[in-house]
Amino acid sequence: MNTFLIYAFLFFIGSVGGWLLELIYRRFFSNANPERKWINPGFCTGPYLPLYGSGLCFLYAIASLEKYSMIKSPVINKLVLFITMAICMTVIEYISGLISLKIYKVRLWDYTKEWGNIQGIICPKFSFYWAILGTLYYFLIHPHIIDALYWLSNNLAFSFVIGLFFGVFIIDISNSAQLAIKLKKLAEEYEIIMRYEALKSEIRKNHDKAKLKYHFFLPFKTYKPLSEIIAEAKDSFEKYKNNKK
């Protein structure tokens, strides 16, 4: 089976599955959502999170290398495998969060209140969660994934869905990047670090006050300029020092 097709499918499944996982977590468990409302998670508009898609591809690659391991003990071998998965996912999370924070002045997620966090981007607690997800993937998904991929690859509808997904995804990424550039300019103007979830919450509050419908899949669609909402709520965002001044 074509390697590109395998990873394309894994990215698709991981992105959508990760979005569903984050949707449930933010709705029922996240401390950042005390009102327990549904929040469209992530950077993109659509129902997918590229971080999880990339992560699933790496988990598949790491699990596939297990047969080359030189560790004789099965228990230690599995332990090293799961730790490697957790480290890999943490590194992906850190790089993604750091790029967003340093380049766009946007904090996509916030671990600043978690013990042992590094720049509020990664922390031991969520690295442990990555290890759990890696373990679940290894035992519940990886043994069956090749058979599923071969079956799906023989169906024309499968290729069509994958192609459609990436077509929509590329357009979404382009639009989201334009929004990120706009938010970066506003963040630099007010010397703040923009928190995505906090900004979405402010937009929702403005819609509730005006008794207008909030758009779940268009969380940044506002009835008044976005700059006004940010200006009104700038004191609630994280401050940073502009070194250019």
C-alpha atoms as a PDB file:
ATOM      1  CA  MET A   1       0.000   0.000   0.000  1.00  0.00           C
ATOM      2  CA  ASN A   2       1.246   3.489  -0.871  1.00  0.00           C
ATOM      3  CA  THR A   3       3.076   5.019   2.121  1.00  0.00           C
ATOM      4  CA  PHE A   4       1.763   8.491   1.335  1.00  0.00           C
ATOM      5  CA  LEU A   5      -1.815   7.197   1.408  1.00  0.00           C
ATOM      6  CA  ILE A   6      -1.223   5.570   4.797  1.00  0.00           C
ATOM      7  CA  TYR A   7       0.052   8.776   6.374  1.00  0.00           C
ATOM      8  CA  ALA A   8      -2.610  10.876   4.658  1.00  0.00           C
ATOM      9  CA  PHE A   9      -5.290   8.676   6.179  1.00  0.00           C
ATOM     10  CA  LEU A  10      -3.607   8.720   9.597  1.00  0.00           C
ATOM     11  CA  PHE A  11      -3.374  12.511   9.516  1.00  0.00           C
ATOM     12  CA  PHE A  12      -7.047  12.714   8.589  1.00  0.00           C
ATOM     13  CA  ILE A  13      -8.171  10.325  11.342  1.00  0.00           C
ATOM     14  CA  GLY A  14      -5.864  11.863  13.943  1.00  0.00           C
ATOM     15  CA  SER A  15      -6.911  15.433  13.175  1.00  0.00           C
ATOM     16  CA  VAL A  16     -10.636  14.704  13.338  1.00  0.00           C
ATOM     17  CA  GLY A  17     -10.348  12.327  16.306  1.00  0.00           C
ATOM     18  CA  GLY A  18      -8.185  14.810  18.203  1.00  0.00           C
ATOM     19  CA  TRP A  19     -10.717  17.563  17.575  1.00  0.00           C
ATOM     20  CA  LEU A  20     -13.480  15.401  19.047  1.00  0.00           C
ATOM     21  CA  LEU A  21     -11.295  14.549  22.038  1.00  0.00           C
ATOM     22  CA  GLU A  22     -10.493  18.224  22.698  1.00  0.00           C
ATOM     23  CA  LEU A  23     -14.134  19.180  22.189  1.00  0.00           C
ATOM     24  CA  ILE A  24     -15.241  16.791  24.939  1.00  0.00           C
ATOM     25  CA  TYR A  25     -12.350  17.726  27.248  1.00  0.00           C
ATOM     26  CA  ARG A  26     -13.004  21.462  26.996  1.00  0.00           C
ATOM     27  CA  ARG A  27     -16.748  20.977  27.434  1.00  0.00           C
ATOM     28  CA  PHE A  28     -16.689  18.746  30.515  1.00  0.00           C
ATOM     29  CA  PHE A  29     -13.237  18.846  32.145  1.00  0.00           C
ATOM     30  CA  SER A  30     -11.282  22.012  31.312  1.00  0.00           C
ATOM     31  CA  ASN A  31     -10.891  24.589  34.110  1.00  0.00           C
ATOM     32  CA  ALA A  32     -10.698  27.276  31.439  1.00  0.00           C
ATOM     33  CA  ASN A  33     -14.381  26.729  30.646  1.00  0.00           C
ATOM     34  CA  PRO A  34     -16.259  27.160  33.954  1.00  0.00           C
ATOM     35  CA  GLU A  35     -19.536  27.850  32.101  1.00  0.00           C
ATOM     36  CA  ARG A  36     -19.302  24.388  30.520  1.00  0.00           C
ATOM     37  CA  LYS A  37     -20.170  25.584  27.044  1.00  0.00           C
ATOM     38  CA  TRP A  38     -19.247  23.957  23.764  1.00  0.00           C
ATOM     39  CA  ILE A  39     -16.036  25.479  22.401  1.00  0.00           C
ATOM     40  CA  ASN A  40     -14.612  24.940  18.931  1.00  0.00           C
ATOM     41  CA  PRO A  41     -11.026  23.996  19.847  1.00  0.00           C
ATOM     42  CA  GLY A  42      -7.858  24.833  18.016  1.00  0.00           C
ATOM     43  CA  PHE A  43      -6.446  27.116  15.374  1.00  0.00           C
ATOM     44  CA  CYS A  44      -8.611  26.092  12.421  1.00  0.00           C
ATOM     45  CA  THR A  45     -12.297  26.654  11.758  1.00  0.00           C
ATOM     46  CA  GLY A  46     -13.178  23.117  10.735  1.00  0.00           C
ATOM     47  CA  PRO A  47     -13.442  19.973  12.899  1.00  0.00           C
ATOM     48  CA  TYR A  48      -9.793  18.964  12.914  1.00  0.00           C
ATOM     49  CA  LEU A  49      -6.583  19.626  14.866  1.00  0.00           C
ATOM     50  CA  PRO A  50      -3.358  19.240  12.831  1.00  0.00           C
ATOM     51  CA  LEU A  51      -1.354  18.653  16.031  1.00  0.00           C
ATOM     52  CA  TYR A  52      -3.182  15.375  16.635  1.00  0.00           C
ATOM     53  CA  GLY A  53      -2.962  14.398  12.971  1.00  0.00           C
ATOM     54  CA  SER A  54       0.806  14.860  12.976  1.00  0.00           C
ATOM     55  CA  GLY A  55       0.982  13.094  16.336  1.00  0.00           C
ATOM     56  CA  LEU A  56      -0.849  10.003  15.070  1.00  0.00           C
ATOM     57  CA  CYS A  57       1.544   9.772  12.127  1.00  0.00           C
ATOM     58  CA  PHE A  58       4.493   9.824  14.535  1.00  0.00           C
ATOM     59  CA  LEU A  59       2.869   7.255  16.837  1.00  0.00           C
ATOM     60  CA  TYR A  60       2.383   4.935  13.885  1.00  0.00           C
ATOM     61  CA  ALA A  61       6.015   5.396  12.800  1.00  0.00           C
ATOM     62  CA  ILE A  62       7.351   4.803  16.325  1.00  0.00           C
ATOM     63  CA  ALA A  63       5.194   1.702  16.885  1.00  0.00           C
ATOM     64  CA  SER A  64       6.285   0.326  13.508  1.00  0.00           C
ATOM     65  CA  LEU A  65       9.945   0.540  14.596  1.00  0.00           C
ATOM     66  CA  GLU A  66       9.367  -1.696  17.619  1.00  0.00           C
ATOM     67  CA  LYS A  67      10.514  -4.792  15.734  1.00  0.00           C
ATOM     68  CA  TYR A  68      13.979  -3.252  15.403  1.00  0.00           C
ATOM     69  CA  SER A  69      14.375  -2.751  19.150  1.00  0.00           C
ATOM     70  CA  MET A  70      17.402  -4.378  20.797  1.00  0.00           C
ATOM     71  CA  ILE A  71      15.771  -4.517  24.248  1.00  0.00           C
ATOM     72  CA  LYS A  72      15.113  -8.159  25.124  1.00  0.00           C
ATOM     73  CA  SER A  73      12.648  -7.629  27.973  1.00  0.00           C
ATOM     74  CA  PRO A  74       9.105  -7.214  26.545  1.00  0.00           C
ATOM     75  CA  VAL A  75       7.995  -5.145  29.547  1.00  0.00           C
ATOM     76  CA  ILE A  76      10.943  -2.732  29.394  1.00  0.00           C
ATOM     77  CA  ASN A  77      10.623  -2.585  25.634  1.00  0.00           C
ATOM     78  CA  LYS A  78       6.970  -1.498  25.887  1.00  0.00           C
ATOM     79  CA  LEU A  79       7.806   0.991  28.638  1.00  0.00           C
ATOM     80  CA  VAL A  80      10.538   2.598  26.520  1.00  0.00           C
ATOM     81  CA  LEU A  81       8.155   2.665  23.563  1.00  0.00           C
ATOM     82  CA  PHE A  82       5.432   4.501  25.474  1.00  0.00           C
ATOM     83  CA  ILE A  83       7.914   6.966  26.984  1.00  0.00           C
ATOM     84  CA  THR A  84       9.277   7.638  23.504  1.00  0.00           C
ATOM     85  CA  MET A  85       5.748   8.287  22.254  1.00  0.00           C
ATOM     86  CA  ALA A  86       5.093  10.717  25.116  1.00  0.00           C
ATOM     87  CA  ILE A  87       8.365  12.560  24.475  1.00  0.00           C
ATOM     88  CA  CYS A  88       7.673  12.764  20.743  1.00  0.00           C
ATOM     89  CA  MET A  89       4.157  14.164  21.277  1.00  0.00           C
ATOM     90  CA  THR A  90       5.460  16.628  23.875  1.00  0.00           C
ATOM     91  CA  VAL A  91       8.121  17.873  21.442  1.00  0.00           C
ATOM     92  CA  ILE A  92       5.500  18.337  18.705  1.00  0.00           C
ATOM     93  CA  GLU A  93       3.285  20.192  21.170  1.00  0.00           C
ATOM     94  CA  TYR A  94       6.170  22.404  22.307  1.00  0.00           C
ATOM     95  CA  ILE A  95       7.311  23.318  18.788  1.00  0.00           C
ATOM     96  CA  SER A  96       3.740  24.111  17.675  1.00  0.00           C
ATOM     97  CA  GLY A  97       3.014  26.191  20.769  1.00  0.00           C
ATOM     98  CA  LEU A  98       6.353  28.012  20.629  1.00  0.00           C
ATOM     99  CA  ILE A  99       5.952  28.992  16.975  1.00  0.00           C
ATOM    100  CA  SER A 100       2.465  30.327  17.661  1.00  0.00           C
ATOM    101  CA  LEU A 101       3.589  32.184  20.777  1.00  0.00           C
ATOM    102  CA  LYS A 102       6.825  33.717  19.481  1.00  0.00           C
ATOM    103  CA  ILE A 103       5.829  34.482  15.908  1.00  0.00           C
ATOM    104  CA  TYR A 104       2.109  35.248  16.138  1.00  0.00           C
ATOM    105  CA  LYS A 105       1.885  36.317  19.819  1.00  0.00           C
ATOM    106  CA  VAL A 106      -0.949  33.816  20.209  1.00  0.00           C
ATOM    107  CA  ARG A 107      -1.260  31.207  22.949  1.00  0.00           C
ATOM    108  CA  LEU A 108      -3.290  28.327  21.518  1.00  0.00           C
ATOM    109  CA  TRP A 109      -3.422  26.554  24.898  1.00  0.00           C
ATOM    110  CA  ASP A 110      -2.375  27.655  28.361  1.00  0.00           C
ATOM    111  CA  TYR A 111      -0.531  25.478  30.905  1.00  0.00           C
ATOM    112  CA  THR A 112       0.840  28.398  32.954  1.00  0.00           C
ATOM    113  CA  LYS A 113      -1.058  27.239  36.042  1.00  0.00           C
ATOM    114  CA  GLU A 114       0.130  23.634  35.741  1.00  0.00           C
ATOM    115  CA  TRP A 115       3.023  22.310  37.840  1.00  0.00           C
ATOM    116  CA  GLY A 116       6.389  22.079  36.094  1.00  0.00           C
ATOM    117  CA  ASN A 117       5.211  23.868  32.948  1.00  0.00           C
ATOM    118  CA  ILE A 118       7.680  25.292  30.444  1.00  0.00           C
ATOM    119  CA  GLN A 119       6.553  28.670  29.081  1.00  0.00           C
ATOM    120  CA  GLY A 120       2.982  27.535  29.592  1.00  0.00           C
ATOM    121  CA  ILE A 121       3.309  25.359  26.494  1.00  0.00           C
ATOM    122  CA  ILE A 122       4.100  21.920  27.910  1.00  0.00           C
ATOM    123  CA  CYS A 123       3.930  20.342  31.357  1.00  0.00           C
ATOM    124  CA  PRO A 124       4.387  16.902  33.003  1.00  0.00           C
ATOM    125  CA  LYS A 125       0.653  16.436  33.469  1.00  0.00           C
ATOM    126  CA  PHE A 126      -0.144  16.584  29.773  1.00  0.00           C
ATOM    127  CA  SER A 127       2.995  14.646  28.829  1.00  0.00           C
ATOM    128  CA  PHE A 128       1.556  11.888  31.019  1.00  0.00           C
ATOM    129  CA  TYR A 129      -1.718  12.177  29.100  1.00  0.00           C
ATOM    130  CA  TRP A 130       0.253  11.783  25.858  1.00  0.00           C
ATOM    131  CA  ALA A 131       1.770   8.585  27.260  1.00  0.00           C
ATOM    132  CA  ILE A 132      -1.717   7.270  28.025  1.00  0.00           C
ATOM    133  CA  LEU A 133      -2.928   8.129  24.526  1.00  0.00           C
ATOM    134  CA  GLY A 134       0.139   6.441  23.047  1.00  0.00           C
ATOM    135  CA  THR A 135      -0.566   3.315  25.088  1.00  0.00           C
ATOM    136  CA  LEU A 136      -4.213   3.261  24.017  1.00  0.00           C
ATOM    137  CA  TYR A 137      -3.172   3.718  20.402  1.00  0.00           C
ATOM    138  CA  TYR A 138      -0.664   0.864  20.607  1.00  0.00           C
ATOM    139  CA  PHE A 139      -3.048  -1.686  22.099  1.00  0.00           C
ATOM    140  CA  LEU A 140      -6.387  -0.648  20.585  1.00  0.00           C
ATOM    141  CA  ILE A 141      -5.622   0.849  17.195  1.00  0.00           C
ATOM    142  CA  HIS A 142      -2.181  -0.050  15.852  1.00  0.00           C
ATOM    143  CA  PRO A 143      -2.761  -3.831  15.594  1.00  0.00           C
ATOM    144  CA  HIS A 144      -5.760  -3.274  13.325  1.00  0.00           C
ATOM    145  CA  ILE A 145      -4.792  -0.154  11.435  1.00  0.00           C
ATOM    146  CA  ILE A 146      -3.039  -1.777   8.466  1.00  0.00           C
ATOM    147  CA  ASP A 147      -5.988  -4.094   7.730  1.00  0.00           C
ATOM    148  CA  ALA A 148      -8.355  -1.129   7.934  1.00  0.00           C
ATOM    149  CA  LEU A 149      -6.143   0.921   5.622  1.00  0.00           C
ATOM    150  CA  TYR A 150      -5.950  -1.812   3.020  1.00  0.00           C
ATOM    151  CA  TRP A 151      -9.718  -2.267   3.088  1.00  0.00           C
ATOM    152  CA  LEU A 152     -10.385   1.451   2.771  1.00  0.00           C
ATOM    153  CA  SER A 153      -7.824   1.927   0.016  1.00  0.00           C
ATOM    154  CA  ASN A 154      -9.802  -0.437  -2.203  1.00  0.00           C
ATOM    155  CA  ASN A 155     -12.836   1.819  -2.055  1.00  0.00           C
ATOM    156  CA  LEU A 156     -13.113   4.790  -4.399  1.00  0.00           C
ATOM    157  CA  ALA A 157     -15.081   6.743  -1.798  1.00  0.00           C
ATOM    158  CA  PHE A 158     -12.111   6.529   0.573  1.00  0.00           C
ATOM    159  CA  SER A 159      -9.760   8.330  -1.818  1.00  0.00           C
ATOM    160  CA  PHE A 160     -12.443  10.918  -2.528  1.00  0.00           C
ATOM    161  CA  VAL A 161     -12.976  11.653   1.175  1.00  0.00           C
ATOM    162  CA  ILE A 162      -9.231  12.016   1.791  1.00  0.00           C
ATOM    163  CA  GLY A 163      -8.861  14.346  -1.177  1.00  0.00           C
ATOM    164  CA  LEU A 164     -11.868  16.400  -0.096  1.00  0.00           C
ATOM    165  CA  PHE A 165     -10.501  16.653   3.442  1.00  0.00           C
ATOM    166  CA  PHE A 166      -7.128  17.993   2.340  1.00  0.00           C
ATOM    167  CA  GLY A 167      -8.736  20.412  -0.109  1.00  0.00           C
ATOM    168  CA  VAL A 168     -10.899  21.927   2.636  1.00  0.00           C
ATOM    169  CA  PHE A 169      -8.021  21.730   5.118  1.00  0.00           C
ATOM    170  CA  ILE A 170      -5.625  23.737   2.920  1.00  0.00           C
ATOM    171  CA  ILE A 171      -8.226  26.478   2.403  1.00  0.00           C
ATOM    172  CA  ASP A 172      -8.950  26.533   6.129  1.00  0.00           C
ATOM    173  CA  ILE A 173      -5.240  26.783   7.017  1.00  0.00           C
ATOM    174  CA  SER A 174      -4.863  29.712   4.618  1.00  0.00           C
ATOM    175  CA  ASN A 175      -7.809  31.578   6.146  1.00  0.00           C
ATOM    176  CA  SER A 176      -6.676  30.787   9.689  1.00  0.00           C
ATOM    177  CA  ALA A 177      -3.164  32.062   8.908  1.00  0.00           C
ATOM    178  CA  GLN A 178      -4.640  35.376   7.736  1.00  0.00           C
ATOM    179  CA  LEU A 179      -6.575  35.626  10.996  1.00  0.00           C
ATOM    180  CA  ALA A 180      -3.398  34.848  12.966  1.00  0.00           C
ATOM    181  CA  ILE A 181      -1.571  37.676  11.186  1.00  0.00           C
ATOM    182  CA  LYS A 182      -4.412  40.044  12.052  1.00  0.00           C
ATOM    183  CA  LEU A 183      -4.350  38.955  15.690  1.00  0.00           C
ATOM    184  CA  LYS A 184      -0.569  39.360  15.770  1.00  0.00           C
ATOM    185  CA  LYS A 185      -0.869  43.000  14.715  1.00  0.00           C
ATOM    186  CA  LEU A 186      -3.487  43.656  17.404  1.00  0.00           C
ATOM    187  CA  ALA A 187      -1.420  41.801  20.001  1.00  0.00           C
ATOM    188  CA  GLU A 188       1.633  43.923  19.201  1.00  0.00           C
ATOM    189  CA  GLU A 189      -0.452  47.085  19.274  1.00  0.00           C
ATOM    190  CA  TYR A 190      -1.771  46.354  22.771  1.00  0.00           C
ATOM    191  CA  GLU A 191       1.406  44.520  23.891  1.00  0.00           C
ATOM    192  CA  ILE A 192      -0.443  41.373  24.870  1.00  0.00           C
ATOM    193  CA  ILE A 193      -0.262  37.650  24.252  1.00  0.00           C
ATOM    194  CA  MET A 194      -3.530  36.641  22.648  1.00  0.00           C
ATOM    195  CA  ARG A 195      -5.166  33.625  24.243  1.00  0.00           C
ATOM    196  CA  TYR A 196      -7.333  31.897  21.652  1.00  0.00           C
ATOM    197  CA  GLU A 197      -9.777  30.396  24.107  1.00  0.00           C
ATOM    198  CA  ALA A 198     -10.095  33.615  26.120  1.00  0.00           C
ATOM    199  CA  LEU A 199     -10.762  35.582  22.941  1.00  0.00           C
ATOM    200  CA  LYS A 200     -13.423  33.090  21.843  1.00  0.00           C
ATOM    201  CA  SER A 201     -15.017  33.452  25.272  1.00  0.00           C
ATOM    202  CA  GLU A 202     -15.070  37.254  24.970  1.00  0.00           C
ATOM    203  CA  ILE A 203     -16.696  37.035  21.548  1.00  0.00           C
ATOM    204  CA  ARG A 204     -19.317  34.653  22.929  1.00  0.00           C
ATOM    205  CA  LYS A 205     -20.032  37.035  25.830  1.00  0.00           C
ATOM    206  CA  ASN A 206     -20.502  39.918  23.413  1.00  0.00           C
ATOM    207  CA  HIS A 207     -22.936  37.857  21.379  1.00  0.00           C
ATOM    208  CA  ASP A 208     -24.850  36.865  24.514  1.00  0.00           C
ATOM    209  CA  LYS A 209     -25.128  40.497  25.636  1.00  0.00           C
ATOM    210  CA  ALA A 210     -26.393  41.540  22.219  1.00  0.00           C
ATOM    211  CA  LYS A 211     -28.692  38.483  22.164  1.00  0.00           C
ATOM    212  CA  LEU A 212     -27.183  37.343  18.896  1.00  0.00           C
ATOM    213  CA  LYS A 213     -26.465  33.814  17.730  1.00  0.00           C
ATOM    214  CA  TYR A 214     -22.927  32.615  18.359  1.00  0.00           C
ATOM    215  CA  HIS A 215     -21.388  30.712  15.423  1.00  0.00           C
ATOM    216  CA  PHE A 216     -19.705  27.552  16.687  1.00  0.00           C
ATOM    217  CA  PHE A 217     -17.757  26.911  13.477  1.00  0.00           C
ATOM    218  CA  LEU A 218     -17.048  30.629  12.994  1.00  0.00           C
ATOM    219  CA  PRO A 219     -15.917  31.556  16.514  1.00  0.00           C
ATOM    220  CA  PHE A 220     -14.213  34.775  15.384  1.00  0.00           C
ATOM    221  CA  LYS A 221     -17.195  36.085  13.436  1.00  0.00           C
ATOM    222  CA  THR A 222     -18.354  39.219  15.254  1.00  0.00           C
ATOM    223  CA  TYR A 223     -21.062  41.816  14.810  1.00  0.00           C
ATOM    224  CA  LYS A 224     -18.575  44.569  15.654  1.00  0.00           C
ATOM    225  CA  PRO A 225     -14.875  44.956  14.781  1.00  0.00           C
ATOM    226  CA  LEU A 226     -12.652  42.353  16.407  1.00  0.00           C
ATOM    227  CA  SER A 227     -10.259  45.128  17.403  1.00  0.00           C
ATOM    228  CA  GLU A 228     -12.960  46.681  19.614  1.00  0.00           C
ATOM    229  CA  ILE A 229     -13.566  43.421  21.463  1.00  0.00           C
ATOM    230  CA  ILE A 230      -9.833  42.969  22.045  1.00  0.00           C
ATOM    231  CA  ALA A 231      -9.457  46.586  23.182  1.00  0.00           C
ATOM    232  CA  GLU A 232     -12.266  46.149  25.710  1.00  0.00           C
ATOM    233  CA  ALA A 233     -10.779  42.928  27.087  1.00  0.00           C
ATOM    234  CA  LYS A 234      -7.057  43.675  26.734  1.00  0.00           C
ATOM    235  CA  ASP A 235      -6.506  43.865  30.488  1.00  0.00           C
ATOM    236  CA  SER A 236      -7.606  40.245  30.856  1.00  0.00           C
ATOM    237  CA  PHE A 237      -4.955  39.014  28.419  1.00  0.00           C
ATOM    238  CA  GLU A 238      -1.340  38.185  29.157  1.00  0.00           C
ATOM    239  CA  LYS A 239       1.055  41.136  28.962  1.00  0.00           C
ATOM    240  CA  TYR A 240       4.420  41.081  27.252  1.00  0.00           C
ATOM    241  CA  LYS A 241       7.205  43.609  26.905  1.00  0.00           C
ATOM    242  CA  ASN A 242       7.751  45.068  23.471  1.00  0.00           C
ATOM    243  CA  ASN A 243      11.520  45.128  23.093  1.00  0.00           C
ATOM    244  CA  LYS A 244      11.322  47.427  20.089  1.00  0.00           C
ATOM    245  CA  LYS A 245      10.374  50.346  22.313  1.00  0.00           C
END
